[in-house]
Amino acid sequence: MLTPNLSTFAKLGILAATLSVVPIEDAPKPLAVYYEGATVQFAPEMATGHRAANLGPWIFGARLRDEKPLDKRLNLYVVVPGSQYRSAVNPEYDHNLIINALTHDKAREWDIFWCFVVDPEMKDDFRSEHDLLLAAQQTFTPADLFDAEDIPGHEVLKEKSDIEALGDLVRYRRKDGTLPRLLILPAHLAVSATAENPNSAPAPQ
């Protein structure tokens, strides 16, 4: 299993981003997530009244006070687009959730990362950290008229980062003019949760 650290992501040319936050009125519901291709259960710790790390209606847990990414934490990836969770309001919010470890009944801290498919020709439905990291190292040559709006999930990318136009992608271009097929961006948010492989994980809603 490939386990990235902060230096690994630095090499990928990642950008700090933020998640929207809402107050948690009730305990967050367990979420179905992928671990090495299998569906397991991700259960955020209860923290009623705290602000939440979320994407639309999907709550990943209560925000921890120390939100700086730490090597000791595990990783929760929010992959846009994806087929696991689908939005009835805006398909751009369709996503997959991937983790890089199980916790065996013990709550652990998790750093959250955004993963955005940049190459419109990439149709992979990612379900493992290994495949995500490989995709982030691949590049493609944009078409002559390629623009930021051609990026799948470009509305979410704009909302969660400072990438709004083609010029904002310059920092990610290689010397040969190619772009990474997938961007992995730290959300600078962390949550606490258990991740287990029960007999049956909750179905996506």
N, C-alpha and C. Protein backbone atom coordinates (compact mmCIF):
# COMPACT_ATOMS: atom_id res chain seq x y z
N MET A 1 0.85 -1.19 0.00
CA MET A 1 0.00 0.00 0.00
C MET A 1 0.87 1.23 0.00
N LEU A 2 0.60 2.18 -0.87
CA LEU A 2 1.31 3.42 -0.91
C LEU A 2 0.73 4.36 0.13
N THR A 3 1.58 4.90 0.99
CA THR A 3 1.11 5.83 2.02
C THR A 3 1.80 7.17 1.82
N PRO A 4 1.09 8.18 1.35
CA PRO A 4 1.72 9.46 1.07
C PRO A 4 1.97 10.23 2.35
N ASN A 5 2.99 11.08 2.31
CA ASN A 5 3.21 12.03 3.40
C ASN A 5 3.24 13.42 2.81
N LEU A 6 3.54 14.41 3.62
CA LEU A 6 3.49 15.79 3.15
C LEU A 6 4.48 16.03 2.03
N SER A 7 5.66 15.41 2.10
CA SER A 7 6.65 15.62 1.05
C SER A 7 6.19 15.01 -0.26
N THR A 8 5.47 13.88 -0.19
CA THR A 8 4.95 13.26 -1.40
C THR A 8 3.99 14.19 -2.11
N PHE A 9 3.07 14.80 -1.37
CA PHE A 9 2.10 15.70 -1.97
C PHE A 9 2.78 16.96 -2.49
N ALA A 10 3.85 17.40 -1.82
CA ALA A 10 4.55 18.59 -2.30
C ALA A 10 5.11 18.34 -3.69
N LYS A 11 5.58 17.11 -3.92
CA LYS A 11 6.12 16.77 -5.22
C LYS A 11 5.04 16.74 -6.29
N LEU A 12 3.82 16.50 -5.87
CA LEU A 12 2.72 16.46 -6.83
C LEU A 12 2.23 17.85 -7.17
N GLY A 13 2.75 18.87 -6.51
CA GLY A 13 2.35 20.25 -6.83
C GLY A 13 0.96 20.55 -6.36
N ILE A 14 0.64 20.21 -5.12
CA ILE A 14 -0.71 20.40 -4.62
C ILE A 14 -0.93 21.80 -4.10
N LEU A 15 -2.21 22.14 -3.91
CA LEU A 15 -2.62 23.47 -3.49
C LEU A 15 -3.51 23.37 -2.28
N ALA A 16 -3.34 24.27 -1.30
CA ALA A 16 -4.22 24.29 -0.14
C ALA A 16 -5.61 24.69 -0.58
N ALA A 17 -6.61 24.03 0.02
CA ALA A 17 -8.00 24.34 -0.29
C ALA A 17 -8.82 24.23 0.99
N THR A 18 -10.07 24.66 0.93
CA THR A 18 -10.92 24.63 2.11
C THR A 18 -12.21 23.90 1.82
N LEU A 19 -12.80 23.36 2.88
CA LEU A 19 -14.12 22.75 2.81
C LEU A 19 -15.12 23.72 3.40
N SER A 20 -16.35 23.69 2.90
CA SER A 20 -17.39 24.49 3.53
C SER A 20 -17.68 23.90 4.90
N VAL A 21 -18.18 24.73 5.81
CA VAL A 21 -18.43 24.25 7.15
C VAL A 21 -19.86 24.57 7.57
N VAL A 22 -20.45 23.65 8.31
CA VAL A 22 -21.79 23.84 8.85
C VAL A 22 -21.78 23.32 10.27
N PRO A 23 -22.65 23.82 11.16
CA PRO A 23 -22.72 23.30 12.52
C PRO A 23 -23.32 21.91 12.53
N ILE A 24 -22.81 21.04 13.38
CA ILE A 24 -23.36 19.69 13.52
C ILE A 24 -24.42 19.71 14.60
N GLU A 25 -25.67 19.55 14.19
CA GLU A 25 -26.77 19.53 15.16
C GLU A 25 -26.98 18.13 15.72
N ASP A 26 -26.69 17.11 14.93
CA ASP A 26 -26.82 15.72 15.36
C ASP A 26 -25.51 14.99 15.09
N ALA A 27 -25.36 13.82 15.68
CA ALA A 27 -24.16 13.03 15.46
C ALA A 27 -24.05 12.67 13.98
N PRO A 28 -22.87 12.84 13.37
CA PRO A 28 -22.70 12.49 11.96
C PRO A 28 -23.02 11.02 11.71
N LYS A 29 -23.65 10.74 10.60
CA LYS A 29 -23.98 9.36 10.25
C LYS A 29 -22.76 8.66 9.66
N PRO A 30 -22.63 7.35 9.90
CA PRO A 30 -21.53 6.61 9.26
C PRO A 30 -21.65 6.70 7.75
N LEU A 31 -20.51 6.68 7.08
CA LEU A 31 -20.46 6.77 5.64
C LEU A 31 -19.81 5.51 5.06
N ALA A 32 -20.29 5.09 3.91
CA ALA A 32 -19.61 4.03 3.18
C ALA A 32 -18.44 4.65 2.45
N VAL A 33 -17.26 4.06 2.60
CA VAL A 33 -16.06 4.55 1.92
C VAL A 33 -15.34 3.35 1.30
N TYR A 34 -14.43 3.64 0.39
CA TYR A 34 -13.63 2.58 -0.22
C TYR A 34 -12.28 2.47 0.46
N TYR A 35 -11.87 1.23 0.69
CA TYR A 35 -10.53 0.93 1.19
C TYR A 35 -9.97 -0.22 0.35
N GLU A 36 -8.97 0.09 -0.45
CA GLU A 36 -8.35 -0.89 -1.34
C GLU A 36 -9.40 -1.60 -2.19
N GLY A 37 -10.39 -0.83 -2.66
CA GLY A 37 -11.40 -1.36 -3.56
C GLY A 37 -12.63 -1.93 -2.89
N ALA A 38 -12.56 -2.20 -1.59
CA ALA A 38 -13.69 -2.76 -0.86
C ALA A 38 -14.46 -1.66 -0.14
N THR A 39 -15.75 -1.85 0.06
CA THR A 39 -16.58 -0.88 0.78
C THR A 39 -16.53 -1.16 2.27
N VAL A 40 -16.14 -0.17 3.06
CA VAL A 40 -16.08 -0.30 4.51
C VAL A 40 -16.83 0.88 5.13
N GLN A 41 -16.93 0.88 6.45
CA GLN A 41 -17.70 1.92 7.14
C GLN A 41 -16.78 2.92 7.83
N PHE A 42 -17.04 4.20 7.55
CA PHE A 42 -16.31 5.31 8.17
C PHE A 42 -17.26 6.00 9.13
N ALA A 43 -16.96 5.94 10.43
CA ALA A 43 -17.88 6.45 11.45
C ALA A 43 -17.24 7.61 12.21
N PRO A 44 -17.63 8.86 11.89
CA PRO A 44 -17.09 10.03 12.59
C PRO A 44 -17.47 10.00 14.07
N GLU A 45 -16.59 10.52 14.92
CA GLU A 45 -16.89 10.61 16.34
C GLU A 45 -17.98 11.65 16.57
N MET A 46 -18.78 11.43 17.59
CA MET A 46 -19.87 12.35 17.92
C MET A 46 -19.30 13.67 18.44
N ALA A 47 -19.85 14.77 17.93
CA ALA A 47 -19.40 16.10 18.38
C ALA A 47 -20.51 17.09 18.10
N THR A 48 -21.67 16.87 18.72
CA THR A 48 -22.82 17.73 18.49
C THR A 48 -22.50 19.19 18.81
N GLY A 49 -22.89 20.10 17.90
CA GLY A 49 -22.67 21.51 18.10
C GLY A 49 -21.39 22.03 17.50
N HIS A 50 -20.47 21.14 17.09
CA HIS A 50 -19.23 21.56 16.46
C HIS A 50 -19.46 21.83 14.98
N ARG A 51 -18.55 22.58 14.39
CA ARG A 51 -18.61 22.79 12.95
C ARG A 51 -18.16 21.53 12.22
N ALA A 52 -18.74 21.31 11.05
CA ALA A 52 -18.49 20.07 10.33
C ALA A 52 -17.61 20.30 9.12
N ALA A 53 -16.84 19.28 8.78
CA ALA A 53 -16.17 19.21 7.48
C ALA A 53 -17.13 18.46 6.57
N ASN A 54 -17.48 19.07 5.45
CA ASN A 54 -18.54 18.48 4.64
C ASN A 54 -18.40 18.86 3.17
N LEU A 55 -19.12 18.14 2.34
CA LEU A 55 -19.33 18.50 0.94
C LEU A 55 -20.83 18.46 0.73
N GLY A 56 -21.46 19.63 0.63
CA GLY A 56 -22.91 19.66 0.54
C GLY A 56 -23.52 18.99 1.76
N PRO A 57 -24.45 18.05 1.56
CA PRO A 57 -25.12 17.40 2.69
C PRO A 57 -24.31 16.28 3.32
N TRP A 58 -23.19 15.92 2.73
CA TRP A 58 -22.40 14.80 3.25
C TRP A 58 -21.40 15.32 4.29
N ILE A 59 -21.56 14.85 5.52
CA ILE A 59 -20.73 15.31 6.63
C ILE A 59 -19.67 14.26 6.94
N PHE A 60 -18.41 14.69 6.92
CA PHE A 60 -17.29 13.78 7.15
C PHE A 60 -16.87 13.73 8.61
N GLY A 61 -17.37 14.66 9.43
CA GLY A 61 -17.05 14.66 10.84
C GLY A 61 -16.86 16.07 11.37
N ALA A 62 -16.69 16.18 12.68
CA ALA A 62 -16.44 17.47 13.32
C ALA A 62 -15.00 17.89 13.09
N ARG A 63 -14.80 19.17 12.81
CA ARG A 63 -13.46 19.68 12.56
C ARG A 63 -12.62 19.62 13.82
N LEU A 64 -11.40 19.12 13.69
CA LEU A 64 -10.45 19.15 14.79
C LEU A 64 -9.83 20.54 14.89
N ARG A 65 -9.38 20.86 16.08
CA ARG A 65 -8.82 22.21 16.30
C ARG A 65 -7.55 22.41 15.48
N ASP A 66 -6.67 21.41 15.46
CA ASP A 66 -5.43 21.51 14.69
C ASP A 66 -5.70 20.98 13.29
N GLU A 67 -5.83 21.89 12.33
CA GLU A 67 -6.22 21.50 10.98
C GLU A 67 -5.05 21.39 10.02
N LYS A 68 -3.85 21.66 10.50
CA LYS A 68 -2.67 21.53 9.65
C LYS A 68 -2.41 20.05 9.35
N PRO A 69 -2.21 19.67 8.08
CA PRO A 69 -1.94 18.25 7.76
C PRO A 69 -0.73 17.73 8.53
N LEU A 70 -0.87 16.53 9.07
CA LEU A 70 0.19 15.91 9.86
C LEU A 70 0.48 14.51 9.32
N ASP A 71 1.76 14.16 9.28
CA ASP A 71 2.15 12.84 8.77
C ASP A 71 1.56 11.70 9.58
N LYS A 72 1.30 11.93 10.88
CA LYS A 72 0.81 10.85 11.74
C LYS A 72 -0.65 10.51 11.47
N ARG A 73 -1.36 11.41 10.78
CA ARG A 73 -2.77 11.17 10.52
C ARG A 73 -2.98 10.25 9.31
N LEU A 74 -4.16 9.61 9.31
CA LEU A 74 -4.57 8.85 8.15
C LEU A 74 -5.22 9.79 7.15
N ASN A 75 -5.55 9.28 5.97
CA ASN A 75 -6.04 10.14 4.90
C ASN A 75 -7.44 9.74 4.44
N LEU A 76 -8.30 10.75 4.30
CA LEU A 76 -9.62 10.59 3.71
C LEU A 76 -9.65 11.42 2.43
N TYR A 77 -9.87 10.75 1.31
CA TYR A 77 -9.87 11.43 0.01
C TYR A 77 -11.30 11.60 -0.49
N VAL A 78 -11.61 12.81 -0.94
CA VAL A 78 -12.90 13.10 -1.55
C VAL A 78 -12.63 13.27 -3.05
N VAL A 79 -13.09 12.31 -3.85
CA VAL A 79 -12.73 12.25 -5.26
C VAL A 79 -13.88 12.74 -6.13
N VAL A 80 -13.61 13.80 -6.91
CA VAL A 80 -14.61 14.41 -7.78
C VAL A 80 -14.12 14.33 -9.23
N PRO A 81 -14.90 13.73 -10.15
CA PRO A 81 -16.22 13.12 -9.92
C PRO A 81 -16.08 11.68 -9.44
N GLY A 82 -17.22 11.10 -9.03
CA GLY A 82 -17.27 9.71 -8.60
C GLY A 82 -18.70 9.22 -8.66
N SER A 83 -18.87 7.92 -8.60
CA SER A 83 -20.21 7.34 -8.72
C SER A 83 -20.80 6.88 -7.41
N GLN A 84 -20.02 6.95 -6.32
CA GLN A 84 -20.48 6.41 -5.04
C GLN A 84 -21.58 7.25 -4.41
N TYR A 85 -21.38 8.55 -4.34
CA TYR A 85 -22.37 9.46 -3.80
C TYR A 85 -22.81 10.42 -4.89
N ARG A 86 -24.11 10.49 -5.12
CA ARG A 86 -24.64 11.30 -6.20
C ARG A 86 -25.56 12.39 -5.67
N SER A 87 -25.41 13.59 -6.18
CA SER A 87 -26.23 14.73 -5.77
C SER A 87 -27.45 14.83 -6.67
N ALA A 88 -28.62 14.96 -6.06
CA ALA A 88 -29.85 15.13 -6.83
C ALA A 88 -30.00 16.57 -7.30
N VAL A 89 -29.21 17.46 -6.73
CA VAL A 89 -29.30 18.89 -7.05
C VAL A 89 -28.27 19.30 -8.10
N ASN A 90 -27.03 18.87 -7.92
CA ASN A 90 -25.94 19.25 -8.83
C ASN A 90 -25.00 18.07 -9.04
N PRO A 91 -25.01 17.47 -10.24
CA PRO A 91 -24.15 16.31 -10.53
C PRO A 91 -22.67 16.60 -10.35
N GLU A 92 -22.28 17.86 -10.34
CA GLU A 92 -20.87 18.19 -10.15
C GLU A 92 -20.38 17.77 -8.77
N TYR A 93 -21.30 17.55 -7.84
CA TYR A 93 -20.93 17.14 -6.50
C TYR A 93 -20.87 15.61 -6.35
N ASP A 94 -21.10 14.88 -7.41
CA ASP A 94 -20.96 13.42 -7.35
C ASP A 94 -19.51 13.08 -6.99
N HIS A 95 -19.33 12.16 -6.05
CA HIS A 95 -17.98 11.89 -5.58
C HIS A 95 -17.84 10.49 -4.99
N ASN A 96 -16.61 10.07 -4.83
CA ASN A 96 -16.24 8.86 -4.09
C ASN A 96 -15.47 9.25 -2.85
N LEU A 97 -15.54 8.40 -1.82
CA LEU A 97 -14.75 8.59 -0.61
C LEU A 97 -13.80 7.41 -0.47
N ILE A 98 -12.52 7.71 -0.25
CA ILE A 98 -11.49 6.67 -0.16
C ILE A 98 -10.65 6.92 1.09
N ILE A 99 -10.30 5.85 1.79
CA ILE A 99 -9.40 5.95 2.94
C ILE A 99 -8.17 5.09 2.69
N ASN A 100 -7.12 5.32 3.49
CA ASN A 100 -5.88 4.57 3.27
C ASN A 100 -5.55 3.59 4.38
N ALA A 101 -6.49 3.38 5.33
CA ALA A 101 -6.24 2.42 6.41
C ALA A 101 -7.53 2.13 7.15
N LEU A 102 -7.52 1.02 7.91
CA LEU A 102 -8.60 0.71 8.85
C LEU A 102 -8.10 0.98 10.26
N THR A 103 -9.02 1.21 11.19
CA THR A 103 -8.60 1.61 12.54
C THR A 103 -8.84 0.54 13.60
N HIS A 104 -9.59 -0.52 13.27
CA HIS A 104 -9.81 -1.62 14.22
C HIS A 104 -10.41 -1.14 15.53
N ASP A 105 -11.57 -0.49 15.42
CA ASP A 105 -12.38 -0.04 16.55
C ASP A 105 -11.81 1.15 17.31
N LYS A 106 -10.64 1.62 16.97
CA LYS A 106 -10.04 2.75 17.67
C LYS A 106 -10.14 3.99 16.80
N ALA A 107 -10.70 5.07 17.36
CA ALA A 107 -10.82 6.31 16.61
C ALA A 107 -9.43 6.87 16.30
N ARG A 108 -9.26 7.35 15.07
CA ARG A 108 -8.01 7.95 14.64
C ARG A 108 -8.30 9.30 13.99
N GLU A 109 -7.27 10.12 13.89
CA GLU A 109 -7.41 11.40 13.22
C GLU A 109 -7.14 11.24 11.73
N TRP A 110 -7.89 12.00 10.93
CA TRP A 110 -7.80 11.91 9.47
C TRP A 110 -7.64 13.29 8.86
N ASP A 111 -6.66 13.44 7.99
CA ASP A 111 -6.58 14.63 7.15
C ASP A 111 -7.45 14.41 5.92
N ILE A 112 -8.15 15.45 5.49
CA ILE A 112 -9.02 15.38 4.32
C ILE A 112 -8.31 15.96 3.11
N PHE A 113 -8.43 15.28 1.98
CA PHE A 113 -7.82 15.74 0.73
C PHE A 113 -8.86 15.75 -0.38
N TRP A 114 -8.86 16.83 -1.16
CA TRP A 114 -9.65 16.88 -2.38
C TRP A 114 -8.87 16.22 -3.51
N CYS A 115 -9.56 15.46 -4.32
CA CYS A 115 -8.95 14.86 -5.50
C CYS A 115 -9.82 15.22 -6.70
N PHE A 116 -9.27 15.99 -7.63
CA PHE A 116 -10.02 16.45 -8.79
C PHE A 116 -9.44 15.87 -10.07
N VAL A 117 -10.29 15.19 -10.84
CA VAL A 117 -9.88 14.73 -12.16
C VAL A 117 -9.78 15.95 -13.06
N VAL A 118 -8.63 16.15 -13.70
CA VAL A 118 -8.42 17.29 -14.58
C VAL A 118 -8.60 16.89 -16.05
N ASP A 119 -8.16 15.71 -16.40
CA ASP A 119 -8.24 15.23 -17.79
C ASP A 119 -9.66 14.76 -18.10
N PRO A 120 -10.37 15.41 -19.02
CA PRO A 120 -11.74 15.00 -19.36
C PRO A 120 -11.83 13.58 -19.91
N GLU A 121 -10.70 13.05 -20.40
CA GLU A 121 -10.70 11.70 -20.96
C GLU A 121 -10.51 10.63 -19.89
N MET A 122 -10.21 11.02 -18.67
CA MET A 122 -10.02 10.04 -17.59
C MET A 122 -11.38 9.66 -17.04
N LYS A 123 -11.79 8.42 -17.23
CA LYS A 123 -13.11 7.94 -16.81
C LYS A 123 -13.03 6.98 -15.62
N ASP A 124 -11.88 6.86 -15.01
CA ASP A 124 -11.70 5.92 -13.90
C ASP A 124 -12.63 6.26 -12.74
N ASP A 125 -13.21 5.25 -12.13
CA ASP A 125 -14.01 5.43 -10.92
C ASP A 125 -13.14 4.96 -9.75
N PHE A 126 -12.37 5.87 -9.19
CA PHE A 126 -11.33 5.51 -8.23
C PHE A 126 -11.88 4.92 -6.94
N ARG A 127 -11.20 3.84 -6.49
CA ARG A 127 -11.64 3.16 -5.27
C ARG A 127 -10.48 2.76 -4.36
N SER A 128 -9.28 3.28 -4.64
CA SER A 128 -8.13 2.96 -3.79
C SER A 128 -7.12 4.10 -3.81
N GLU A 129 -6.41 4.27 -2.71
CA GLU A 129 -5.37 5.29 -2.63
C GLU A 129 -4.28 5.02 -3.65
N HIS A 130 -3.92 3.78 -3.84
CA HIS A 130 -2.87 3.41 -4.78
C HIS A 130 -3.16 3.95 -6.17
N ASP A 131 -4.40 3.75 -6.64
CA ASP A 131 -4.76 4.21 -7.98
C ASP A 131 -4.79 5.74 -8.05
N LEU A 132 -5.20 6.39 -6.97
CA LEU A 132 -5.20 7.85 -6.93
C LEU A 132 -3.79 8.41 -7.09
N LEU A 133 -2.85 7.85 -6.36
CA LEU A 133 -1.48 8.36 -6.41
C LEU A 133 -0.84 8.12 -7.77
N LEU A 134 -1.16 6.99 -8.38
CA LEU A 134 -0.64 6.73 -9.72
C LEU A 134 -1.21 7.72 -10.73
N ALA A 135 -2.50 8.00 -10.62
CA ALA A 135 -3.15 8.95 -11.55
C ALA A 135 -2.58 10.35 -11.37
N ALA A 136 -2.26 10.72 -10.14
CA ALA A 136 -1.72 12.05 -9.87
C ALA A 136 -0.34 12.24 -10.48
N GLN A 137 0.34 11.17 -10.79
CA GLN A 137 1.66 11.25 -11.40
C GLN A 137 1.60 11.19 -12.93
N GLN A 138 0.44 10.88 -13.48
CA GLN A 138 0.27 10.83 -14.92
C GLN A 138 -0.04 12.23 -15.47
N THR A 139 0.30 12.46 -16.72
CA THR A 139 0.05 13.76 -17.34
C THR A 139 -0.70 13.57 -18.66
N PHE A 140 -1.26 14.67 -19.16
CA PHE A 140 -1.91 14.66 -20.46
C PHE A 140 -1.67 16.00 -21.14
N THR A 141 -1.80 16.00 -22.46
CA THR A 141 -1.64 17.23 -23.24
C THR A 141 -3.00 17.83 -23.49
N PRO A 142 -3.31 19.00 -22.93
CA PRO A 142 -4.63 19.61 -23.12
C PRO A 142 -4.88 19.95 -24.59
N ALA A 143 -6.13 19.84 -25.00
CA ALA A 143 -6.51 20.23 -26.36
C ALA A 143 -6.30 21.74 -26.52
N ASP A 144 -6.23 22.19 -27.76
CA ASP A 144 -5.95 23.60 -28.04
C ASP A 144 -6.94 24.54 -27.36
N LEU A 145 -8.20 24.14 -27.32
CA LEU A 145 -9.24 25.01 -26.73
C LEU A 145 -9.60 24.60 -25.30
N PHE A 146 -8.73 23.82 -24.67
CA PHE A 146 -8.99 23.36 -23.30
C PHE A 146 -9.09 24.55 -22.35
N ASP A 147 -10.09 24.53 -21.48
CA ASP A 147 -10.29 25.59 -20.50
C ASP A 147 -10.65 24.95 -19.17
N ALA A 148 -10.64 25.75 -18.11
CA ALA A 148 -10.95 25.23 -16.78
C ALA A 148 -12.34 24.62 -16.73
N GLU A 149 -13.26 25.13 -17.54
CA GLU A 149 -14.62 24.61 -17.55
C GLU A 149 -14.71 23.21 -18.16
N ASP A 150 -13.64 22.77 -18.80
CA ASP A 150 -13.61 21.42 -19.35
C ASP A 150 -13.23 20.39 -18.30
N ILE A 151 -12.81 20.84 -17.13
CA ILE A 151 -12.44 19.93 -16.05
C ILE A 151 -13.70 19.36 -15.42
N PRO A 152 -13.82 18.04 -15.33
CA PRO A 152 -14.98 17.45 -14.64
C PRO A 152 -15.04 17.98 -13.20
N GLY A 153 -16.21 18.40 -12.78
CA GLY A 153 -16.34 18.95 -11.43
C GLY A 153 -15.71 20.31 -11.27
N HIS A 154 -15.65 21.09 -12.37
CA HIS A 154 -14.95 22.38 -12.30
C HIS A 154 -15.63 23.35 -11.33
N GLU A 155 -16.95 23.23 -11.14
CA GLU A 155 -17.62 24.12 -10.21
C GLU A 155 -17.16 23.87 -8.77
N VAL A 156 -17.00 22.61 -8.42
CA VAL A 156 -16.53 22.27 -7.07
C VAL A 156 -15.06 22.67 -6.93
N LEU A 157 -14.28 22.46 -7.98
CA LEU A 157 -12.88 22.87 -7.96
C LEU A 157 -12.77 24.37 -7.71
N LYS A 158 -13.58 25.15 -8.38
CA LYS A 158 -13.58 26.61 -8.20
C LYS A 158 -13.99 26.97 -6.78
N GLU A 159 -14.98 26.26 -6.24
CA GLU A 159 -15.48 26.55 -4.90
C GLU A 159 -14.46 26.23 -3.82
N LYS A 160 -13.70 25.15 -4.01
CA LYS A 160 -12.81 24.66 -2.97
C LYS A 160 -11.35 25.04 -3.17
N SER A 161 -11.03 25.77 -4.23
CA SER A 161 -9.66 26.19 -4.46
C SER A 161 -9.67 27.56 -5.14
N ASP A 162 -8.49 28.02 -5.55
CA ASP A 162 -8.42 29.30 -6.26
C ASP A 162 -8.25 29.09 -7.77
N ILE A 163 -8.63 27.91 -8.25
CA ILE A 163 -8.54 27.62 -9.68
C ILE A 163 -9.86 27.96 -10.33
N GLU A 164 -9.88 29.06 -11.05
CA GLU A 164 -11.09 29.53 -11.70
C GLU A 164 -10.98 29.59 -13.22
N ALA A 165 -9.75 29.74 -13.72
CA ALA A 165 -9.55 29.89 -15.16
C ALA A 165 -8.31 29.10 -15.57
N LEU A 166 -8.12 28.99 -16.89
CA LEU A 166 -7.00 28.21 -17.41
C LEU A 166 -5.67 28.73 -16.88
N GLY A 167 -5.55 30.04 -16.74
CA GLY A 167 -4.30 30.61 -16.25
C GLY A 167 -3.93 30.14 -14.85
N ASP A 168 -4.92 29.77 -14.06
CA ASP A 168 -4.65 29.32 -12.69
C ASP A 168 -4.01 27.93 -12.66
N LEU A 169 -4.02 27.24 -13.81
CA LEU A 169 -3.40 25.92 -13.89
C LEU A 169 -1.94 25.97 -14.28
N VAL A 170 -1.43 27.18 -14.56
CA VAL A 170 -0.04 27.33 -15.01
C VAL A 170 0.94 26.70 -14.02
N ARG A 171 0.67 26.87 -12.73
CA ARG A 171 1.59 26.36 -11.71
C ARG A 171 1.73 24.84 -11.76
N TYR A 172 0.76 24.16 -12.38
CA TYR A 172 0.79 22.70 -12.43
C TYR A 172 1.34 22.16 -13.75
N ARG A 173 1.55 23.05 -14.72
CA ARG A 173 2.05 22.60 -16.02
C ARG A 173 3.50 22.11 -15.90
N ARG A 174 3.79 21.02 -16.60
CA ARG A 174 5.16 20.54 -16.70
C ARG A 174 5.89 21.35 -17.76
N LYS A 175 7.18 21.17 -17.84
CA LYS A 175 7.99 21.90 -18.81
C LYS A 175 7.58 21.56 -20.25
N ASP A 176 7.03 20.35 -20.45
CA ASP A 176 6.61 19.96 -21.80
C ASP A 176 5.19 20.42 -22.13
N GLY A 177 4.57 21.21 -21.23
CA GLY A 177 3.24 21.75 -21.49
C GLY A 177 2.11 20.86 -21.03
N THR A 178 2.40 19.68 -20.49
CA THR A 178 1.35 18.78 -20.05
C THR A 178 0.85 19.16 -18.66
N LEU A 179 -0.32 18.64 -18.30
CA LEU A 179 -0.93 18.86 -16.98
C LEU A 179 -1.13 17.51 -16.30
N PRO A 180 -1.16 17.49 -14.97
CA PRO A 180 -1.47 16.24 -14.26
C PRO A 180 -2.90 15.83 -14.55
N ARG A 181 -3.13 14.54 -14.69
CA ARG A 181 -4.48 14.05 -14.97
C ARG A 181 -5.36 14.15 -13.73
N LEU A 182 -4.76 14.21 -12.56
CA LEU A 182 -5.50 14.29 -11.30
C LEU A 182 -4.75 15.20 -10.34
N LEU A 183 -5.47 16.11 -9.69
CA LEU A 183 -4.89 16.98 -8.67
C LEU A 183 -5.33 16.51 -7.29
N ILE A 184 -4.38 16.43 -6.36
CA ILE A 184 -4.69 16.10 -4.96
C ILE A 184 -4.38 17.33 -4.13
N LEU A 185 -5.41 17.90 -3.51
CA LEU A 185 -5.29 19.15 -2.78
C LEU A 185 -5.65 18.97 -1.31
N PRO A 186 -4.78 19.37 -0.38
CA PRO A 186 -5.11 19.25 1.04
C PRO A 186 -6.20 20.23 1.42
N ALA A 187 -7.20 19.77 2.15
CA ALA A 187 -8.30 20.64 2.57
C ALA A 187 -7.94 21.47 3.79
N HIS A 188 -6.85 21.11 4.48
CA HIS A 188 -6.48 21.75 5.74
C HIS A 188 -7.64 21.65 6.73
N LEU A 189 -8.25 20.49 6.76
CA LEU A 189 -9.26 20.13 7.74
C LEU A 189 -9.01 18.70 8.17
N ALA A 190 -9.30 18.42 9.43
CA ALA A 190 -9.09 17.08 9.96
C ALA A 190 -10.29 16.68 10.81
N VAL A 191 -10.57 15.38 10.83
CA VAL A 191 -11.67 14.84 11.63
C VAL A 191 -11.18 13.62 12.38
N SER A 192 -11.99 13.14 13.31
CA SER A 192 -11.69 11.93 14.05
C SER A 192 -12.78 10.90 13.77
N ALA A 193 -12.37 9.66 13.46
CA ALA A 193 -13.36 8.64 13.10
C ALA A 193 -12.74 7.26 13.17
N THR A 194 -13.61 6.26 13.23
CA THR A 194 -13.18 4.88 13.09
C THR A 194 -13.47 4.43 11.66
N ALA A 195 -12.73 3.45 11.20
CA ALA A 195 -12.96 2.88 9.87
C ALA A 195 -12.83 1.38 9.98
N GLU A 196 -13.95 0.70 9.76
CA GLU A 196 -14.00 -0.75 9.95
C GLU A 196 -14.60 -1.44 8.74
N ASN A 197 -14.46 -2.74 8.73
CA ASN A 197 -15.01 -3.57 7.66
C ASN A 197 -16.10 -4.46 8.24
N PRO A 198 -17.30 -3.89 8.49
CA PRO A 198 -18.39 -4.66 9.07
C PRO A 198 -18.98 -5.63 8.06
N ASN A 199 -19.91 -6.44 8.51
CA ASN A 199 -20.55 -7.39 7.59
C ASN A 199 -21.27 -6.66 6.47
N SER A 200 -21.84 -5.49 6.81
CA SER A 200 -22.52 -4.70 5.79
C SER A 200 -22.34 -3.21 6.11
N ALA A 201 -21.75 -2.49 5.18
CA ALA A 201 -21.57 -1.04 5.35
C ALA A 201 -22.81 -0.34 4.84
N PRO A 202 -23.13 0.86 5.36
CA PRO A 202 -24.31 1.58 4.91
C PRO A 202 -24.22 1.95 3.44
N ALA A 203 -25.32 1.88 2.77
CA ALA A 203 -25.35 2.22 1.35
C ALA A 203 -25.29 3.72 1.17
N PRO A 204 -24.65 4.20 0.09
CA PRO A 204 -24.62 5.64 -0.17
C PRO A 204 -26.02 6.19 -0.28
N GLN A 205 -26.20 7.44 0.13
CA GLN A 205 -27.51 8.10 0.07
C GLN A 205 -27.45 9.26 -0.90
